[in-house]
Structures are given as C-alpha cells and as structure tokens.
PDB file of N, CA and C in Angstrom:
ATOM      1  N   MET A   1       0.844  -1.189   0.000  1.00  0.00           N
ATOM      2  CA  MET A   1       0.000   0.000   0.000  1.00  0.00           C
ATOM      3  C   MET A   1       0.883   1.245   0.000  1.00  0.00           C
ATOM      4  N   ALA A   2       0.580   2.170  -0.890  1.00  0.00           N
ATOM      5  CA  ALA A   2       1.365   3.395  -0.979  1.00  0.00           C
ATOM      6  C   ALA A   2       1.058   4.306   0.202  1.00  0.00           C
ATOM      7  N   ALA A   3       1.970   5.241   0.468  1.00  0.00           N
ATOM      8  CA  ALA A   3       1.840   6.127   1.622  1.00  0.00           C
ATOM      9  C   ALA A   3       0.589   7.000   1.557  1.00  0.00           C
ATOM     10  N   VAL A   4       0.075   7.228   0.346  1.00  0.00           N
ATOM     11  CA  VAL A   4      -1.085   8.121   0.218  1.00  0.00           C
ATOM     12  C   VAL A   4      -2.416   7.360   0.264  1.00  0.00           C
ATOM     13  N   ASP A   5      -2.369   6.018   0.178  1.00  0.00           N
ATOM     14  CA  ASP A   5      -3.604   5.239   0.086  1.00  0.00           C
ATOM     15  C   ASP A   5      -4.387   5.244   1.393  1.00  0.00           C
ATOM     16  N   GLY A   6      -5.701   5.184   1.265  1.00  0.00           N
ATOM     17  CA  GLY A   6      -6.535   5.067   2.446  1.00  0.00           C
ATOM     18  C   GLY A   6      -7.842   5.800   2.288  1.00  0.00           C
ATOM     19  N   ALA A   7      -8.625   5.775   3.356  1.00  0.00           N
ATOM     20  CA  ALA A   7      -9.879   6.520   3.429  1.00  0.00           C
ATOM     21  C   ALA A   7      -9.707   7.608   4.469  1.00  0.00           C
ATOM     22  N   TYR A   8      -9.987   8.831   4.079  1.00  0.00           N
ATOM     23  CA  TYR A   8      -9.779   9.984   4.952  1.00  0.00           C
ATOM     24  C   TYR A   8     -11.124  10.623   5.303  1.00  0.00           C
ATOM     25  N   ASP A   9     -11.370  10.816   6.597  1.00  0.00           N
ATOM     26  CA  ASP A   9     -12.542  11.573   7.039  1.00  0.00           C
ATOM     27  C   ASP A   9     -12.196  13.048   6.918  1.00  0.00           C
ATOM     28  N   CYS A  10     -12.889  13.762   6.033  1.00  0.00           N
ATOM     29  CA  CYS A  10     -12.529  15.144   5.716  1.00  0.00           C
ATOM     30  C   CYS A  10     -13.650  16.120   6.040  1.00  0.00           C
ATOM     31  N   VAL A  11     -13.246  17.369   6.268  1.00  0.00           N
ATOM     32  CA  VAL A  11     -14.177  18.480   6.386  1.00  0.00           C
ATOM     33  C   VAL A  11     -13.693  19.563   5.437  1.00  0.00           C
ATOM     34  N   ALA A  12     -14.574  19.995   4.536  1.00  0.00           N
ATOM     35  CA  ALA A  12     -14.257  21.087   3.607  1.00  0.00           C
ATOM     36  C   ALA A  12     -14.996  22.338   4.068  1.00  0.00           C
ATOM     37  N   LYS A  13     -14.269  23.452   4.123  1.00  0.00           N
ATOM     38  CA  LYS A  13     -14.841  24.739   4.518  1.00  0.00           C
ATOM     39  C   LYS A  13     -15.334  25.442   3.259  1.00  0.00           C
ATOM     40  N   THR A  14     -16.609  25.278   2.928  1.00  0.00           N
ATOM     41  CA  THR A  14     -17.138  25.822   1.675  1.00  0.00           C
ATOM     42  C   THR A  14     -18.038  27.019   1.943  1.00  0.00           C
ATOM     43  N   PRO A  15     -18.365  27.787   0.886  1.00  0.00           N
ATOM     44  CA  PRO A  15     -19.296  28.917   1.053  1.00  0.00           C
ATOM     45  C   PRO A  15     -20.665  28.466   1.535  1.00  0.00           C
ATOM     46  N   MET A  16     -21.008  27.184   1.326  1.00  0.00           N
ATOM     47  CA  MET A  16     -22.288  26.664   1.781  1.00  0.00           C
ATOM     48  C   MET A  16     -22.168  26.067   3.183  1.00  0.00           C
ATOM     49  N   GLY A  17     -21.083  26.346   3.872  1.00  0.00           N
ATOM     50  CA  GLY A  17     -20.862  25.780   5.200  1.00  0.00           C
ATOM     51  C   GLY A  17     -19.942  24.585   5.145  1.00  0.00           C
ATOM     52  N   ASP A  18     -19.679  24.008   6.304  1.00  0.00           N
ATOM     53  CA  ASP A  18     -18.789  22.853   6.382  1.00  0.00           C
ATOM     54  C   ASP A  18     -19.433  21.643   5.716  1.00  0.00           C
ATOM     55  N   GLN A  19     -18.668  20.980   4.858  1.00  0.00           N
ATOM     56  CA  GLN A  19     -19.139  19.774   4.192  1.00  0.00           C
ATOM     57  C   GLN A  19     -18.267  18.606   4.661  1.00  0.00           C
ATOM     58  N   ASN A  20     -18.898  17.617   5.255  1.00  0.00           N
ATOM     59  CA  ASN A  20     -18.170  16.424   5.684  1.00  0.00           C
ATOM     60  C   ASN A  20     -18.187  15.396   4.572  1.00  0.00           C
ATOM     61  N   GLY A  21     -17.093  14.688   4.425  1.00  0.00           N
ATOM     62  CA  GLY A  21     -17.034  13.651   3.413  1.00  0.00           C
ATOM     63  C   GLY A  21     -15.884  12.708   3.668  1.00  0.00           C
ATOM     64  N   VAL A  22     -15.885  11.621   2.920  1.00  0.00           N
ATOM     65  CA  VAL A  22     -14.806  10.638   3.015  1.00  0.00           C
ATOM     66  C   VAL A  22     -14.121  10.558   1.659  1.00  0.00           C
ATOM     67  N   LEU A  23     -12.827  10.886   1.633  1.00  0.00           N
ATOM     68  CA  LEU A  23     -12.023  10.776   0.422  1.00  0.00           C
ATOM     69  C   LEU A  23     -11.309   9.434   0.444  1.00  0.00           C
ATOM     70  N   THR A  24     -11.534   8.631  -0.589  1.00  0.00           N
ATOM     71  CA  THR A  24     -10.856   7.342  -0.714  1.00  0.00           C
ATOM     72  C   THR A  24      -9.801   7.453  -1.811  1.00  0.00           C
ATOM     73  N   VAL A  25      -8.568   7.061  -1.479  1.00  0.00           N
ATOM     74  CA  VAL A  25      -7.439   7.139  -2.417  1.00  0.00           C
ATOM     75  C   VAL A  25      -6.895   5.737  -2.645  1.00  0.00           C
ATOM     76  N   ILE A  26      -6.883   5.301  -3.909  1.00  0.00           N
ATOM     77  CA  ILE A  26      -6.305   4.014  -4.292  1.00  0.00           C
ATOM     78  C   ILE A  26      -5.310   4.307  -5.409  1.00  0.00           C
ATOM     79  N   SER A  27      -4.031   4.286  -5.067  1.00  0.00           N
ATOM     80  CA  SER A  27      -3.018   4.713  -6.032  1.00  0.00           C
ATOM     81  C   SER A  27      -2.481   3.534  -6.839  1.00  0.00           C
ATOM     82  N   SER A  28      -1.946   3.900  -7.998  1.00  0.00           N
ATOM     83  CA  SER A  28      -1.286   2.944  -8.873  1.00  0.00           C
ATOM     84  C   SER A  28      -0.163   3.692  -9.568  1.00  0.00           C
ATOM     85  N   GLY A  29       1.054   3.564  -9.035  1.00  0.00           N
ATOM     86  CA  GLY A  29       2.173   4.320  -9.599  1.00  0.00           C
ATOM     87  C   GLY A  29       1.965   5.807  -9.395  1.00  0.00           C
ATOM     88  N   ASP A  30       1.976   6.587 -10.504  1.00  0.00           N
ATOM     89  CA  ASP A  30       1.856   8.036 -10.374  1.00  0.00           C
ATOM     90  C   ASP A  30       0.424   8.516 -10.636  1.00  0.00           C
ATOM     91  N   SER A  31      -0.544   7.605 -10.530  1.00  0.00           N
ATOM     92  CA  SER A  31      -1.936   8.014 -10.674  1.00  0.00           C
ATOM     93  C   SER A  31      -2.762   7.390  -9.550  1.00  0.00           C
ATOM     94  N   PHE A  32      -3.981   7.862  -9.370  1.00  0.00           N
ATOM     95  CA  PHE A  32      -4.851   7.249  -8.379  1.00  0.00           C
ATOM     96  C   PHE A  32      -6.303   7.408  -8.802  1.00  0.00           C
ATOM     97  N   HIS A  33      -7.145   6.541  -8.251  1.00  0.00           N
ATOM     98  CA  HIS A  33      -8.580   6.686  -8.414  1.00  0.00           C
ATOM     99  C   HIS A  33      -9.222   6.592  -7.038  1.00  0.00           C
ATOM    100  N   GLY A  34     -10.485   6.918  -6.968  1.00  0.00           N
ATOM    101  CA  GLY A  34     -11.182   6.875  -5.698  1.00  0.00           C
ATOM    102  C   GLY A  34     -12.459   7.678  -5.779  1.00  0.00           C
ATOM    103  N   THR A  35     -12.991   8.013  -4.608  1.00  0.00           N
ATOM    104  CA  THR A  35     -14.245   8.766  -4.536  1.00  0.00           C
ATOM    105  C   THR A  35     -14.187   9.766  -3.393  1.00  0.00           C
ATOM    106  N   PHE A  36     -15.059  10.760  -3.479  1.00  0.00           N
ATOM    107  CA  PHE A  36     -15.313  11.651  -2.347  1.00  0.00           C
ATOM    108  C   PHE A  36     -16.798  11.522  -2.047  1.00  0.00           C
ATOM    109  N   ALA A  37     -17.117  10.830  -0.964  1.00  0.00           N
ATOM    110  CA  ALA A  37     -18.511  10.582  -0.599  1.00  0.00           C
ATOM    111  C   ALA A  37     -18.911  11.543   0.508  1.00  0.00           C
ATOM    112  N   GLY A  38     -19.912  12.379   0.207  1.00  0.00           N
ATOM    113  CA  GLY A  38     -20.319  13.378   1.179  1.00  0.00           C
ATOM    114  C   GLY A  38     -21.815  13.579   1.199  1.00  0.00           C
ATOM    115  N   MET A  39     -22.213  14.735   1.717  1.00  0.00           N
ATOM    116  CA  MET A  39     -23.617  15.041   1.889  1.00  0.00           C
ATOM    117  C   MET A  39     -24.360  15.112   0.557  1.00  0.00           C
ATOM    118  N   MET A  40     -23.640  15.414  -0.514  1.00  0.00           N
ATOM    119  CA  MET A  40     -24.279  15.557  -1.818  1.00  0.00           C
ATOM    120  C   MET A  40     -24.015  14.348  -2.699  1.00  0.00           C
ATOM    121  N   GLY A  41     -23.847  13.190  -2.096  1.00  0.00           N
ATOM    122  CA  GLY A  41     -23.609  11.977  -2.868  1.00  0.00           C
ATOM    123  C   GLY A  41     -22.130  11.685  -3.006  1.00  0.00           C
ATOM    124  N   SER A  42     -21.823  10.796  -3.926  1.00  0.00           N
ATOM    125  CA  SER A  42     -20.454  10.347  -4.130  1.00  0.00           C
ATOM    126  C   SER A  42     -19.931  10.864  -5.462  1.00  0.00           C
ATOM    127  N   LEU A  43     -18.763  11.489  -5.430  1.00  0.00           N
ATOM    128  CA  LEU A  43     -18.125  12.003  -6.642  1.00  0.00           C
ATOM    129  C   LEU A  43     -16.906  11.152  -6.952  1.00  0.00           C
ATOM    130  N   ASP A  44     -16.753  10.760  -8.216  1.00  0.00           N
ATOM    131  CA  ASP A  44     -15.594   9.978  -8.625  1.00  0.00           C
ATOM    132  C   ASP A  44     -14.396  10.883  -8.892  1.00  0.00           C
ATOM    133  N   VAL A  45     -13.222  10.416  -8.488  1.00  0.00           N
ATOM    134  CA  VAL A  45     -11.973  11.102  -8.795  1.00  0.00           C
ATOM    135  C   VAL A  45     -11.681  10.935 -10.280  1.00  0.00           C
ATOM    136  N   ALA A  46     -11.332  12.036 -10.955  1.00  0.00           N
ATOM    137  CA  ALA A  46     -10.920  12.000 -12.356  1.00  0.00           C
ATOM    138  C   ALA A  46      -9.524  12.597 -12.467  1.00  0.00           C
ATOM    139  N   GLU A  47      -8.717  12.056 -13.363  1.00  0.00           N
ATOM    140  CA  GLU A  47      -7.366  12.573 -13.623  1.00  0.00           C
ATOM    141  C   GLU A  47      -6.523  12.642 -12.352  1.00  0.00           C
ATOM    142  N   GLY A  48      -6.664  11.634 -11.499  1.00  0.00           N
ATOM    143  CA  GLY A  48      -5.903  11.615 -10.248  1.00  0.00           C
ATOM    144  C   GLY A  48      -4.423  11.402 -10.491  1.00  0.00           C
ATOM    145  N   LYS A  49      -3.594  12.268  -9.918  1.00  0.00           N
ATOM    146  CA  LYS A  49      -2.140  12.173 -10.069  1.00  0.00           C
ATOM    147  C   LYS A  49      -1.478  12.150  -8.693  1.00  0.00           C
ATOM    148  N   VAL A  50      -0.424  11.345  -8.583  1.00  0.00           N
ATOM    149  CA  VAL A  50       0.350  11.237  -7.349  1.00  0.00           C
ATOM    150  C   VAL A  50       1.766  11.693  -7.636  1.00  0.00           C
ATOM    151  N   ASP A  51       2.280  12.613  -6.809  1.00  0.00           N
ATOM    152  CA  ASP A  51       3.669  13.064  -6.912  1.00  0.00           C
ATOM    153  C   ASP A  51       4.244  13.038  -5.506  1.00  0.00           C
ATOM    154  N   GLY A  52       4.865  11.924  -5.144  1.00  0.00           N
ATOM    155  CA  GLY A  52       5.349  11.772  -3.772  1.00  0.00           C
ATOM    156  C   GLY A  52       4.168  11.717  -2.822  1.00  0.00           C
ATOM    157  N   ASN A  53       4.085  12.708  -1.908  1.00  0.00           N
ATOM    158  CA  ASN A  53       2.957  12.756  -0.971  1.00  0.00           C
ATOM    159  C   ASN A  53       1.919  13.801  -1.388  1.00  0.00           C
ATOM    160  N   LYS A  54       2.030  14.286  -2.631  1.00  0.00           N
ATOM    161  CA  LYS A  54       1.079  15.283  -3.141  1.00  0.00           C
ATOM    162  C   LYS A  54       0.105  14.629  -4.118  1.00  0.00           C
ATOM    163  N   LEU A  55      -1.157  15.037  -4.021  1.00  0.00           N
ATOM    164  CA  LEU A  55      -2.208  14.524  -4.890  1.00  0.00           C
ATOM    165  C   LEU A  55      -2.849  15.674  -5.646  1.00  0.00           C
ATOM    166  N   SER A  56      -3.276  15.420  -6.876  1.00  0.00           N
ATOM    167  CA  SER A  56      -4.102  16.387  -7.599  1.00  0.00           C
ATOM    168  C   SER A  56      -5.145  15.601  -8.384  1.00  0.00           C
ATOM    169  N   TRP A  57      -6.354  16.169  -8.457  1.00  0.00           N
ATOM    170  CA  TRP A  57      -7.431  15.466  -9.151  1.00  0.00           C
ATOM    171  C   TRP A  57      -8.568  16.428  -9.453  1.00  0.00           C
ATOM    172  N   LYS A  58      -9.519  15.941 -10.236  1.00  0.00           N
ATOM    173  CA  LYS A  58     -10.727  16.693 -10.544  1.00  0.00           C
ATOM    174  C   LYS A  58     -11.933  15.848 -10.172  1.00  0.00           C
ATOM    175  N   MET A  59     -13.036  16.508  -9.893  1.00  0.00           N
ATOM    176  CA  MET A  59     -14.297  15.817  -9.645  1.00  0.00           C
ATOM    177  C   MET A  59     -15.390  16.588 -10.358  1.00  0.00           C
ATOM    178  N   ASN A  60     -16.283  15.869 -11.009  1.00  0.00           N
ATOM    179  CA  ASN A  60     -17.383  16.507 -11.726  1.00  0.00           C
ATOM    180  C   ASN A  60     -18.655  16.428 -10.888  1.00  0.00           C
ATOM    181  N   MET A  61     -19.056  17.586 -10.381  1.00  0.00           N
ATOM    182  CA  MET A  61     -20.225  17.678  -9.525  1.00  0.00           C
ATOM    183  C   MET A  61     -21.433  18.023 -10.386  1.00  0.00           C
ATOM    184  N   THR A  62     -22.590  17.465 -10.084  1.00  0.00           N
ATOM    185  CA  THR A  62     -23.811  17.806 -10.819  1.00  0.00           C
ATOM    186  C   THR A  62     -24.849  18.475  -9.919  1.00  0.00           C
ATOM    187  N   ILE A  63     -24.768  18.227  -8.596  1.00  0.00           N
ATOM    188  CA  ILE A  63     -25.730  18.786  -7.644  1.00  0.00           C
ATOM    189  C   ILE A  63     -24.973  19.662  -6.670  1.00  0.00           C
ATOM    190  N   PRO A  64     -25.379  20.862  -6.323  1.00  0.00           N
ATOM    191  CA  PRO A  64     -26.621  21.510  -6.770  1.00  0.00           C
ATOM    192  C   PRO A  64     -26.532  22.123  -8.168  1.00  0.00           C
ATOM    193  N   MET A  65     -25.333  22.123  -8.782  1.00  0.00           N
ATOM    194  CA  MET A  65     -25.180  22.652 -10.133  1.00  0.00           C
ATOM    195  C   MET A  65     -23.984  21.971 -10.775  1.00  0.00           C
ATOM    196  N   PRO A  66     -23.972  21.888 -12.116  1.00  0.00           N
ATOM    197  CA  PRO A  66     -22.817  21.263 -12.772  1.00  0.00           C
ATOM    198  C   PRO A  66     -21.557  22.113 -12.572  1.00  0.00           C
ATOM    199  N   MET A  67     -20.488  21.468 -12.113  1.00  0.00           N
ATOM    200  CA  MET A  67     -19.251  22.191 -11.837  1.00  0.00           C
ATOM    201  C   MET A  67     -18.121  21.182 -11.774  1.00  0.00           C
ATOM    202  N   THR A  68     -16.959  21.551 -12.306  1.00  0.00           N
ATOM    203  CA  THR A  68     -15.773  20.714 -12.160  1.00  0.00           C
ATOM    204  C   THR A  68     -14.945  21.263 -11.007  1.00  0.00           C
ATOM    205  N   LEU A  69     -14.710  20.438 -10.012  1.00  0.00           N
ATOM    206  CA  LEU A  69     -13.889  20.831  -8.874  1.00  0.00           C
ATOM    207  C   LEU A  69     -12.456  20.414  -9.160  1.00  0.00           C
ATOM    208  N   GLU A  70     -11.524  21.346  -9.007  1.00  0.00           N
ATOM    209  CA  GLU A  70     -10.105  21.026  -9.175  1.00  0.00           C
ATOM    210  C   GLU A  70      -9.467  21.011  -7.797  1.00  0.00           C
ATOM    211  N   CYS A  71      -8.849  19.879  -7.463  1.00  0.00           N
ATOM    212  CA  CYS A  71      -8.398  19.660  -6.096  1.00  0.00           C
ATOM    213  C   CYS A  71      -6.907  19.345  -6.049  1.00  0.00           C
ATOM    214  N   GLU A  72      -6.296  19.746  -4.941  1.00  0.00           N
ATOM    215  CA  GLU A  72      -4.923  19.324  -4.673  1.00  0.00           C
ATOM    216  C   GLU A  72      -4.784  19.147  -3.171  1.00  0.00           C
ATOM    217  N   ALA A  73      -3.932  18.230  -2.785  1.00  0.00           N
ATOM    218  CA  ALA A  73      -3.770  17.932  -1.367  1.00  0.00           C
ATOM    219  C   ALA A  73      -2.390  17.357  -1.113  1.00  0.00           C
ATOM    220  N   GLU A  74      -2.014  17.384   0.169  1.00  0.00           N
ATOM    221  CA  GLU A  74      -0.750  16.813   0.594  1.00  0.00           C
ATOM    222  C   GLU A  74      -1.020  15.906   1.786  1.00  0.00           C
ATOM    223  N   VAL A  75      -0.419  14.717   1.743  1.00  0.00           N
ATOM    224  CA  VAL A  75      -0.563  13.756   2.828  1.00  0.00           C
ATOM    225  C   VAL A  75       0.687  13.824   3.698  1.00  0.00           C
ATOM    226  N   SER A  76       0.472  13.924   5.014  1.00  0.00           N
ATOM    227  CA  SER A  76       1.577  13.927   5.965  1.00  0.00           C
ATOM    228  C   SER A  76       1.207  12.989   7.106  1.00  0.00           C
ATOM    229  N   GLY A  77       1.863  11.833   7.162  1.00  0.00           N
ATOM    230  CA  GLY A  77       1.472  10.827   8.152  1.00  0.00           C
ATOM    231  C   GLY A  77       0.055  10.365   7.855  1.00  0.00           C
ATOM    232  N   ASP A  78      -0.840  10.513   8.844  1.00  0.00           N
ATOM    233  CA  ASP A  78      -2.238  10.139   8.648  1.00  0.00           C
ATOM    234  C   ASP A  78      -3.125  11.348   8.417  1.00  0.00           C
ATOM    235  N   SER A  79      -2.530  12.498   8.110  1.00  0.00           N
ATOM    236  CA  SER A  79      -3.301  13.722   7.881  1.00  0.00           C
ATOM    237  C   SER A  79      -3.254  14.118   6.414  1.00  0.00           C
ATOM    238  N   ILE A  80      -4.347  14.722   5.958  1.00  0.00           N
ATOM    239  CA  ILE A  80      -4.390  15.257   4.604  1.00  0.00           C
ATOM    240  C   ILE A  80      -4.920  16.680   4.688  1.00  0.00           C
ATOM    241  N   THR A  81      -4.299  17.585   3.930  1.00  0.00           N
ATOM    242  CA  THR A  81      -4.781  18.967   3.849  1.00  0.00           C
ATOM    243  C   THR A  81      -4.709  19.385   2.389  1.00  0.00           C
ATOM    244  N   GLY A  82      -5.656  20.222   1.985  1.00  0.00           N
ATOM    245  CA  GLY A  82      -5.646  20.647   0.597  1.00  0.00           C
ATOM    246  C   GLY A  82      -6.684  21.697   0.314  1.00  0.00           C
ATOM    247  N   THR A  83      -6.870  21.952  -0.985  1.00  0.00           N
ATOM    248  CA  THR A  83      -7.845  22.940  -1.434  1.00  0.00           C
ATOM    249  C   THR A  83      -8.648  22.368  -2.596  1.00  0.00           C
ATOM    250  N   MET A  84      -9.884  22.821  -2.683  1.00  0.00           N
ATOM    251  CA  MET A  84     -10.757  22.506  -3.806  1.00  0.00           C
ATOM    252  C   MET A  84     -11.132  23.818  -4.463  1.00  0.00           C
ATOM    253  N   GLN A  85     -10.894  23.919  -5.774  1.00  0.00           N
ATOM    254  CA  GLN A  85     -11.319  25.094  -6.530  1.00  0.00           C
ATOM    255  C   GLN A  85     -12.774  24.880  -6.933  1.00  0.00           C
ATOM    256  N   LEU A  86     -13.644  25.793  -6.491  1.00  0.00           N
ATOM    257  CA  LEU A  86     -15.090  25.632  -6.679  1.00  0.00           C
ATOM    258  C   LEU A  86     -15.623  26.547  -7.768  1.00  0.00           C
ATOM    259  N   GLY A  87     -14.903  26.641  -8.877  1.00  0.00           N
ATOM    260  CA  GLY A  87     -15.368  27.480  -9.978  1.00  0.00           C
ATOM    261  C   GLY A  87     -15.599  28.908  -9.537  1.00  0.00           C
ATOM    262  N   ALA A  88     -16.792  29.436  -9.804  1.00  0.00           N
ATOM    263  CA  ALA A  88     -17.117  30.825  -9.487  1.00  0.00           C
ATOM    264  C   ALA A  88     -17.150  31.097  -7.986  1.00  0.00           C
ATOM    265  N   PHE A  89     -17.189  30.040  -7.168  1.00  0.00           N
ATOM    266  CA  PHE A  89     -17.283  30.222  -5.720  1.00  0.00           C
ATOM    267  C   PHE A  89     -15.925  30.323  -5.043  1.00  0.00           C
ATOM    268  N   GLY A  90     -14.849  30.309  -5.820  1.00  0.00           N
ATOM    269  CA  GLY A  90     -13.529  30.428  -5.223  1.00  0.00           C
ATOM    270  C   GLY A  90     -12.997  29.098  -4.731  1.00  0.00           C
ATOM    271  N   ALA A  91     -12.179  29.143  -3.701  1.00  0.00           N
ATOM    272  CA  ALA A  91     -11.515  27.934  -3.204  1.00  0.00           C
ATOM    273  C   ALA A  91     -12.016  27.595  -1.806  1.00  0.00           C
ATOM    274  N   ALA A  92     -12.054  26.297  -1.518  1.00  0.00           N
ATOM    275  CA  ALA A  92     -12.399  25.816  -0.173  1.00  0.00           C
ATOM    276  C   ALA A  92     -11.238  24.974   0.327  1.00  0.00           C
ATOM    277  N   GLY A  93     -10.812  25.255   1.535  1.00  0.00           N
ATOM    278  CA  GLY A  93      -9.786  24.429   2.151  1.00  0.00           C
ATOM    279  C   GLY A  93     -10.435  23.205   2.783  1.00  0.00           C
ATOM    280  N   PHE A  94      -9.692  22.102   2.818  1.00  0.00           N
ATOM    281  CA  PHE A  94     -10.203  20.934   3.529  1.00  0.00           C
ATOM    282  C   PHE A  94      -9.071  20.224   4.245  1.00  0.00           C
ATOM    283  N   SER A  95      -9.434  19.468   5.244  1.00  0.00           N
ATOM    284  CA  SER A  95      -8.446  18.682   5.972  1.00  0.00           C
ATOM    285  C   SER A  95      -9.126  17.408   6.445  1.00  0.00           C
ATOM    286  N   GLY A  96      -8.306  16.417   6.743  1.00  0.00           N
ATOM    287  CA  GLY A  96      -8.873  15.153   7.178  1.00  0.00           C
ATOM    288  C   GLY A  96      -7.839  14.255   7.806  1.00  0.00           C
ATOM    289  N   THR A  97      -8.343  13.127   8.322  1.00  0.00           N
ATOM    290  CA  THR A  97      -7.513  12.141   9.005  1.00  0.00           C
ATOM    291  C   THR A  97      -7.792  10.765   8.429  1.00  0.00           C
ATOM    292  N   ARG A  98      -6.737  10.022   8.164  1.00  0.00           N
ATOM    293  CA  ARG A  98      -6.874   8.673   7.614  1.00  0.00           C
ATOM    294  C   ARG A  98      -7.478   7.735   8.661  1.00  0.00           C
ATOM    295  N   ARG A  99      -8.402   6.900   8.187  1.00  0.00           N
ATOM    296  CA  ARG A  99      -8.964   5.862   9.051  1.00  0.00           C
ATOM    297  C   ARG A  99      -7.962   4.729   9.194  1.00  0.00           C
ATOM    298  N   ASN A 100      -7.855   4.183  10.390  1.00  0.00           N
ATOM    299  CA  ASN A 100      -6.924   3.058  10.601  1.00  0.00           C
ATOM    300  C   ASN A 100      -7.682   1.740  10.629  1.00  0.00           C
TER     301      ASN A 100
END
C-alpha cells in the first residue's frame, strides 16, 4: 500500500458551510482513483495524479449545479490537507484524518 492510500474523514470549509465527506485514495504508480462521498452523494476522482505525498485530481459535480472541482492535497502521516477550486465560488480548504 502506498503512503497516500486510504480513506480519509474530511471536512471542507465551503461557502455553503462545512461539508463532511470521506475521500478514498487508491493509487497505482503516479496516478490514483477513488471517490469523495459526502452530503451531496459520491463524486468519482478524475485525472488523479500522485507526486510523492502530493495529490491532484478533478471531480465533476452535478448537484446543486454542474461544476468541475479542481483539487490538490498533501498527505503527511495520517493527515491530509488541501484545497478545492469551486469554480465561481472560489476555493475551499479541507483537511482530514486517515482511518486506521
């Protein structure tokens, strides 16, 4: 299992308030796939890239409106921190802890 793999309990600080979700990371070399399951359903990771302990990916949201979220994060131990670009709504920071 790669250092970035796992399920992370995350909280994103968005303009619509705090959004709780679980980010699942399953890496394969320099790419990864997974999901972000939260209050608005489950979003699939697209174009997931791994660079050491850094991750970048996109997610295509349809609810409450169609939007592509561009995300980046860094894993340190069992912690993950990053940002999600929310199109016209700016950026939301998020952080989380890996489940053991």
